Amino acid sequence: MKEKIDYLSTLFVGIDIASRIHVISALDFNQDFFIKMKPVQNTQEGAVLLESMIVDVLKENHPFKYVVIAMESTGFYGVHLANYLSASTLLAPFSVRVYCLNPKEVKNYKKPFNDIGKNDGIDSFVIADFARVGRISIKPWRGSQYLALQRLTRHRMHITECIAREKTYMLNNIFLKFSEYALLRDGEHPFSNKYSATAEAVLTEFTTNEDIVNSSIEDLVAFINTKSRGRIADPEETAKIVQAAARNSYRLDKCLYEPLTISIASSFNCISSFEKELKAIDKAILQTVQGLNPEEYTVLNSIPGIGRVYSAGILAEIVCQGFSKR
């Protein structure tokens, strides 16, 4: 193990994980059984029972000061149990350490055991013995934190997809209301950010295209300066482009303008809300990953073009995928 351990004072627990029934064995350093291949349900109640079995052994046998729990999981069947045992307040006084083992390592370790029979629960003994002889080289389970990080990064992806979907939907309404404006390409567009506060003001505060066409350039320049807070380098040129686009756009029946304007304004509000949530999610992601602070995150973060948030997402997916394959 990477961490130093007092083997003579440690109870070694092996759990063979399955979808419905787990099997538990517990050994001391002399390979004496304290729990011998006991089945428990893969439920919350079963986890409580399994915990109490371990606690009873620890309390009745005073030499035990520590407990090491190793499990070989299939898919995510062991995730809940690993989380439960690693966070157990009853096991905490015994410096509980939970490890999720690679099945290949356990399988290779089992090969020399020719005389142990084919009992369905025998793997729990093999896993416990694997821990007893110090073959574990991985770090203790911290899966719950990585799953928390994965939930955050996947929710971030969900939010970004919502923003992209809302922008696409809004562009359809913008084309109906202000067709030429919607068709302007990036190099021709009056605003570098098509979804900026200034772009929103032009699309929602002028109800019809005629309102723009009938405005003087001076009034449009003043409007653009106010809405952009003076951040547009050439407001006069911008005003001319907006007015020309309004002049060349299709005209609609007057009954359509107000509903379209309301729909566009609603989409801007949705996008603004999503972007606010995105900032909150990003903050939570960075806090969570700093709590883990793994070396892999530092390596990912050093790659040009991959920021801190994306590095956290990649890390969460790689680690959690590893849990599911163990």
Protein backbone atom coordinates (compact mmCIF):
# COMPACT_ATOMS: atom_id res chain seq x y z
CA MET A 1 0.00 0.00 0.00
CA LYS A 2 1.12 3.55 -0.55
CA GLU A 3 0.17 4.42 3.01
CA LYS A 4 1.95 2.90 5.98
CA ILE A 5 -0.16 0.46 7.92
CA ASP A 6 0.13 -1.46 11.18
CA TYR A 7 -0.73 -4.89 9.81
CA LEU A 8 -0.88 -6.66 13.17
CA SER A 9 -3.54 -4.23 14.44
CA THR A 10 -5.62 -4.18 11.24
CA LEU A 11 -8.79 -6.03 10.28
CA PHE A 12 -8.77 -6.81 6.55
CA VAL A 13 -12.22 -6.93 4.97
CA GLY A 14 -12.89 -8.26 1.49
CA ILE A 15 -16.21 -7.70 -0.28
CA ASP A 16 -17.20 -9.46 -3.48
CA ILE A 17 -19.60 -7.07 -5.20
CA ALA A 18 -22.59 -8.11 -7.31
CA SER A 19 -25.78 -6.48 -8.51
CA ARG A 20 -28.06 -8.02 -5.84
CA ILE A 21 -25.90 -9.81 -3.24
CA HIS A 22 -22.52 -8.86 -1.79
CA VAL A 23 -20.35 -11.38 0.06
CA ILE A 24 -18.07 -10.29 2.92
CA SER A 25 -15.07 -11.89 4.59
CA ALA A 26 -12.79 -10.45 7.27
CA LEU A 27 -9.31 -11.66 8.26
CA ASP A 28 -6.57 -10.69 10.64
CA PHE A 29 -2.90 -10.69 9.69
CA ASN A 30 -2.61 -14.37 10.65
CA GLN A 31 -5.31 -15.20 8.07
CA ASP A 32 -7.81 -16.16 10.75
CA PHE A 33 -11.46 -15.57 9.79
CA PHE A 34 -13.58 -13.15 11.79
CA ILE A 35 -16.31 -13.00 9.13
CA LYS A 36 -16.47 -15.89 6.71
CA MET A 37 -18.21 -15.38 3.37
CA LYS A 38 -21.43 -13.83 4.67
CA PRO A 39 -23.96 -12.64 2.04
CA VAL A 40 -25.72 -9.28 2.37
CA GLN A 41 -28.23 -7.54 0.14
CA ASN A 42 -27.07 -4.74 -2.14
CA THR A 43 -29.43 -2.26 -0.48
CA GLN A 44 -29.21 0.52 2.08
CA GLU A 45 -30.38 -1.94 4.73
CA GLY A 46 -27.74 -4.42 3.59
CA ALA A 47 -25.03 -1.74 3.85
CA VAL A 48 -26.10 -0.98 7.43
CA LEU A 49 -25.98 -4.71 8.26
CA LEU A 50 -22.54 -5.08 6.68
CA GLU A 51 -21.29 -2.05 8.62
CA SER A 52 -22.61 -3.46 11.90
CA MET A 53 -20.91 -6.82 11.23
CA ILE A 54 -17.55 -5.10 10.84
CA VAL A 55 -18.13 -2.87 13.88
CA ASP A 56 -19.04 -5.88 16.05
CA VAL A 57 -15.77 -7.60 15.15
CA LEU A 58 -13.75 -4.46 15.87
CA LYS A 59 -15.39 -3.92 19.26
CA GLU A 60 -15.11 -7.53 20.37
CA ASN A 61 -11.47 -7.86 19.41
CA HIS A 62 -9.46 -5.15 21.11
CA PRO A 63 -6.18 -5.66 19.19
CA PHE A 64 -7.83 -4.16 16.10
CA LYS A 65 -7.15 -0.45 15.82
CA TYR A 66 -7.58 -0.10 12.06
CA VAL A 67 -9.75 -1.50 9.30
CA VAL A 68 -8.98 -1.86 5.61
CA ILE A 69 -11.91 -2.63 3.31
CA ALA A 70 -11.23 -3.83 -0.22
CA MET A 71 -13.82 -4.60 -2.86
CA GLU A 72 -13.85 -5.74 -6.44
CA SER A 73 -16.76 -4.04 -8.11
CA THR A 74 -18.63 -4.63 -11.34
CA GLY A 75 -19.90 -1.50 -13.05
CA PHE A 76 -21.37 0.90 -10.52
CA TYR A 77 -22.71 -1.83 -8.23
CA GLY A 78 -20.11 -1.05 -5.57
CA VAL A 79 -20.28 2.76 -5.69
CA HIS A 80 -22.99 3.20 -3.06
CA LEU A 81 -21.38 0.76 -0.65
CA ALA A 82 -17.94 2.34 -1.07
CA ASN A 83 -19.41 5.77 -0.39
CA TYR A 84 -21.31 4.49 2.63
CA LEU A 85 -18.42 2.68 4.28
CA SER A 86 -15.81 5.37 3.60
CA ALA A 87 -18.10 7.94 5.27
CA SER A 88 -19.16 5.69 8.18
CA THR A 89 -19.01 7.44 11.55
CA LEU A 90 -18.98 4.05 13.30
CA LEU A 91 -15.88 2.95 11.39
CA ALA A 92 -14.13 6.33 11.54
CA PRO A 93 -12.48 5.64 14.95
CA PHE A 94 -10.66 2.75 13.27
CA SER A 95 -9.19 4.94 10.48
CA VAL A 96 -11.24 3.10 7.87
CA ARG A 97 -9.79 2.99 4.38
CA VAL A 98 -11.84 1.71 1.47
CA TYR A 99 -10.22 0.53 -1.76
CA CYS A 100 -11.84 -0.41 -5.08
CA LEU A 101 -9.63 -2.96 -6.78
CA ASN A 102 -9.01 -3.74 -10.40
CA PRO A 103 -10.58 -7.19 -11.05
CA LYS A 104 -7.54 -8.22 -13.14
CA GLU A 105 -5.23 -7.82 -10.15
CA VAL A 106 -7.50 -9.94 -7.96
CA LYS A 107 -7.85 -12.56 -10.68
CA ASN A 108 -4.08 -12.84 -11.04
CA TYR A 109 -3.63 -13.03 -7.28
CA LYS A 110 -6.20 -15.84 -7.08
CA LYS A 111 -4.38 -18.14 -9.53
CA PRO A 112 -2.01 -19.80 -7.00
CA PHE A 113 -4.95 -20.70 -4.69
CA ASN A 114 -5.60 -24.15 -6.13
CA ASP A 115 -7.09 -25.69 -2.99
CA ILE A 116 -9.63 -23.08 -1.89
CA GLY A 117 -12.58 -24.59 -3.73
CA LYS A 118 -15.22 -22.95 -5.86
CA ASN A 119 -17.52 -21.50 -3.21
CA ASP A 120 -19.57 -18.61 -4.58
CA GLY A 121 -18.21 -16.32 -1.86
CA ILE A 122 -14.58 -17.37 -2.10
CA ASP A 123 -13.61 -14.19 -3.90
CA SER A 124 -14.36 -12.19 -0.75
CA PHE A 125 -11.63 -14.19 1.02
CA VAL A 126 -9.20 -13.67 -1.87
CA ILE A 127 -9.86 -9.91 -1.83
CA ALA A 128 -9.36 -9.72 1.95
CA ASP A 129 -6.13 -11.71 1.63
CA PHE A 130 -4.98 -9.46 -1.21
CA ALA A 131 -5.22 -6.56 1.25
CA ARG A 132 -3.64 -8.58 4.07
CA VAL A 133 -0.42 -9.22 2.16
CA GLY A 134 -0.03 -5.56 1.20
CA ARG A 135 -0.77 -5.86 -2.51
CA ILE A 136 -2.93 -2.73 -2.67
CA SER A 137 -1.06 0.08 -4.42
CA ILE A 138 -3.89 2.51 -5.16
CA LYS A 139 -5.17 5.42 -3.10
CA PRO A 140 -8.25 5.05 -0.87
CA TRP A 141 -11.69 5.55 -2.34
CA ARG A 142 -12.73 9.13 -3.00
CA GLY A 143 -15.32 8.26 -5.58
CA SER A 144 -18.09 10.35 -4.07
CA GLN A 145 -16.08 13.51 -4.63
CA TYR A 146 -15.30 12.58 -8.22
CA LEU A 147 -18.95 11.72 -8.83
CA ALA A 148 -19.88 15.11 -7.38
CA LEU A 149 -17.44 16.75 -9.79
CA GLN A 150 -18.88 14.74 -12.68
CA ARG A 151 -22.44 15.81 -11.78
CA LEU A 152 -21.33 19.45 -11.84
CA THR A 153 -19.40 19.24 -15.10
CA ARG A 154 -22.20 17.34 -16.83
CA HIS A 155 -24.72 19.88 -15.59
CA ARG A 156 -22.49 22.58 -17.01
CA MET A 157 -22.64 20.82 -20.37
CA HIS A 158 -26.44 20.68 -20.04
CA ILE A 159 -26.53 24.46 -19.41
CA THR A 160 -24.30 25.23 -22.40
CA GLU A 161 -26.54 23.08 -24.60
CA CYS A 162 -29.57 24.98 -23.32
CA ILE A 163 -27.88 28.28 -24.22
CA ALA A 164 -26.99 27.06 -27.71
CA ARG A 165 -30.50 25.73 -28.25
CA GLU A 166 -32.09 28.99 -27.08
CA LYS A 167 -29.84 31.06 -29.33
CA THR A 168 -30.75 28.93 -32.36
CA TYR A 169 -34.43 29.23 -31.52
CA MET A 170 -34.15 33.00 -31.06
CA LEU A 171 -32.39 33.45 -34.40
CA ASN A 172 -35.48 32.11 -36.14
CA ASN A 173 -37.60 34.83 -34.53
CA ILE A 174 -34.96 37.47 -35.28
CA PHE A 175 -35.03 36.49 -38.95
CA LEU A 176 -38.81 36.84 -39.03
CA LYS A 177 -38.69 40.29 -37.44
CA PHE A 178 -35.44 41.71 -38.82
CA SER A 179 -34.45 39.49 -41.75
CA GLU A 180 -31.42 41.38 -43.09
CA TYR A 181 -29.92 41.81 -39.60
CA ALA A 182 -30.16 38.05 -38.98
CA LEU A 183 -28.36 37.29 -42.26
CA LEU A 184 -25.37 39.58 -41.68
CA ARG A 185 -22.16 37.58 -41.31
CA ASP A 186 -19.56 38.16 -38.63
CA GLY A 187 -17.46 40.54 -40.75
CA GLU A 188 -20.54 42.54 -41.73
CA HIS A 189 -22.42 42.43 -38.43
CA PRO A 190 -22.68 45.71 -36.48
CA PHE A 191 -21.89 43.99 -33.17
CA SER A 192 -18.96 41.70 -32.35
CA ASN A 193 -21.26 39.90 -29.91
CA LYS A 194 -24.64 39.21 -31.49
CA TYR A 195 -26.12 38.57 -28.06
CA SER A 196 -24.72 41.64 -26.28
CA ALA A 197 -26.80 44.14 -24.30
CA THR A 198 -26.62 46.59 -27.23
CA ALA A 199 -27.82 43.96 -29.72
CA GLU A 200 -30.63 43.05 -27.32
CA ALA A 201 -31.68 46.72 -27.03
CA VAL A 202 -31.82 47.16 -30.82
CA LEU A 203 -33.93 44.02 -31.22
CA THR A 204 -36.34 44.61 -28.33
CA GLU A 205 -36.67 48.36 -27.80
CA PHE A 206 -37.48 49.12 -31.45
CA THR A 207 -40.77 47.35 -32.03
CA THR A 208 -40.71 47.60 -35.84
CA ASN A 209 -38.02 48.01 -38.48
CA GLU A 210 -39.69 51.27 -39.51
CA ASP A 211 -38.89 52.67 -36.08
CA ILE A 212 -35.20 52.23 -36.90
CA VAL A 213 -35.50 53.46 -40.48
CA ASN A 214 -37.31 56.62 -39.35
CA SER A 215 -34.78 57.41 -36.62
CA SER A 216 -32.03 59.94 -37.39
CA ILE A 217 -28.44 58.77 -37.41
CA GLU A 218 -27.77 61.09 -34.48
CA ASP A 219 -30.51 59.47 -32.41
CA LEU A 220 -29.28 55.98 -33.29
CA VAL A 221 -25.70 56.92 -32.41
CA ALA A 222 -26.86 58.27 -29.04
CA PHE A 223 -28.91 55.12 -28.45
CA ILE A 224 -25.98 52.82 -29.29
CA ASN A 225 -23.56 54.84 -27.15
CA THR A 226 -25.92 54.66 -24.18
CA LYS A 227 -26.62 50.93 -24.47
CA SER A 228 -22.97 50.01 -25.09
CA ARG A 229 -21.71 52.43 -22.42
CA GLY A 230 -19.40 53.95 -25.00
CA ARG A 231 -17.61 50.68 -25.73
CA ILE A 232 -18.28 50.63 -29.50
CA ALA A 233 -15.35 52.21 -31.35
CA ASP A 234 -17.35 53.64 -34.27
CA PRO A 235 -20.98 54.08 -33.17
CA GLU A 236 -21.86 56.10 -36.28
CA GLU A 237 -20.79 53.33 -38.65
CA THR A 238 -22.68 50.83 -36.47
CA ALA A 239 -25.81 52.99 -36.61
CA LYS A 240 -25.61 53.14 -40.40
CA ILE A 241 -25.27 49.36 -40.71
CA VAL A 242 -28.27 48.78 -38.40
CA GLN A 243 -30.39 51.31 -40.29
CA ALA A 244 -29.43 49.85 -43.69
CA ALA A 245 -30.31 46.35 -42.46
CA ALA A 246 -33.70 47.64 -41.26
CA ARG A 247 -34.33 49.29 -44.59
CA ASN A 248 -33.52 46.11 -46.54
CA SER A 249 -35.50 43.75 -44.31
CA TYR A 250 -38.89 42.30 -45.15
CA ARG A 251 -41.87 44.17 -43.82
CA LEU A 252 -44.39 42.31 -41.67
CA ASP A 253 -48.01 42.74 -40.81
CA LYS A 254 -48.10 45.03 -37.76
CA CYS A 255 -49.80 42.36 -35.64
CA LEU A 256 -46.61 40.21 -35.81
CA TYR A 257 -44.06 42.70 -34.53
CA GLU A 258 -45.06 42.82 -30.89
CA PRO A 259 -45.35 39.03 -30.38
CA LEU A 260 -41.97 38.53 -32.07
CA THR A 261 -40.39 41.26 -29.95
CA ILE A 262 -41.78 39.68 -26.77
CA SER A 263 -40.46 36.25 -27.83
CA ILE A 264 -37.00 37.64 -28.62
CA ALA A 265 -36.90 39.52 -25.30
CA SER A 266 -37.89 36.31 -23.49
CA SER A 267 -35.09 34.40 -25.21
CA PHE A 268 -32.56 37.04 -24.17
CA ASN A 269 -33.80 36.72 -20.59
CA CYS A 270 -33.44 32.93 -20.73
CA ILE A 271 -29.91 33.18 -22.12
CA SER A 272 -28.98 35.72 -19.44
CA SER A 273 -30.32 33.41 -16.71
CA PHE A 274 -28.48 30.41 -18.13
CA GLU A 275 -25.22 32.39 -18.32
CA LYS A 276 -25.65 33.47 -14.70
CA GLU A 277 -26.12 29.82 -13.71
CA LEU A 278 -23.08 28.90 -15.79
CA LYS A 279 -20.90 31.24 -13.73
CA ALA A 280 -22.22 29.70 -10.51
CA ILE A 281 -21.57 26.17 -11.84
CA ASP A 282 -18.03 27.13 -12.90
CA LYS A 283 -17.32 28.46 -9.42
CA ALA A 284 -18.64 25.25 -7.83
CA ILE A 285 -16.56 23.10 -10.22
CA LEU A 286 -13.35 24.93 -9.36
CA GLN A 287 -14.05 24.66 -5.63
CA THR A 288 -14.77 20.93 -5.91
CA VAL A 289 -11.71 20.09 -7.99
CA GLN A 290 -9.43 22.09 -5.70
CA GLY A 291 -10.71 19.97 -2.81
CA LEU A 292 -9.45 16.91 -4.70
CA ASN A 293 -6.29 18.58 -6.03
CA PRO A 294 -5.00 15.51 -7.94
CA GLU A 295 -1.76 15.59 -9.95
CA GLU A 296 -3.71 14.66 -13.09
CA TYR A 297 -5.64 17.94 -12.87
CA THR A 298 -2.40 19.93 -12.83
CA VAL A 299 -1.17 18.06 -15.90
CA LEU A 300 -4.42 18.60 -17.82
CA ASN A 301 -4.48 22.25 -16.83
CA SER A 302 -1.00 22.75 -18.26
CA ILE A 303 -2.11 21.76 -21.78
CA PRO A 304 -2.60 24.87 -23.98
CA GLY A 305 -6.23 25.45 -24.90
CA ILE A 306 -7.67 23.44 -21.99
CA GLY A 307 -8.81 25.66 -19.16
CA ARG A 308 -9.44 24.84 -15.52
CA VAL A 309 -13.12 24.01 -15.98
CA TYR A 310 -12.58 21.74 -18.99
CA SER A 311 -9.68 20.03 -17.21
CA ALA A 312 -12.02 19.28 -14.31
CA GLY A 313 -14.59 17.81 -16.70
CA ILE A 314 -12.04 15.57 -18.41
CA LEU A 315 -10.70 14.40 -15.05
CA ALA A 316 -14.17 13.58 -13.73
CA GLU A 317 -15.08 11.54 -16.81
CA ILE A 318 -11.81 9.59 -16.84
CA VAL A 319 -11.92 8.73 -13.14
CA CYS A 320 -15.62 7.88 -13.05
CA GLN A 321 -15.25 5.75 -16.17
CA GLY A 322 -12.49 3.93 -14.33
CA PHE A 323 -14.87 3.20 -11.43
CA SER A 324 -17.42 1.70 -13.83
CA LYS A 325 -14.82 -0.60 -15.42
CA ARG A 326 -13.35 -1.93 -12.19
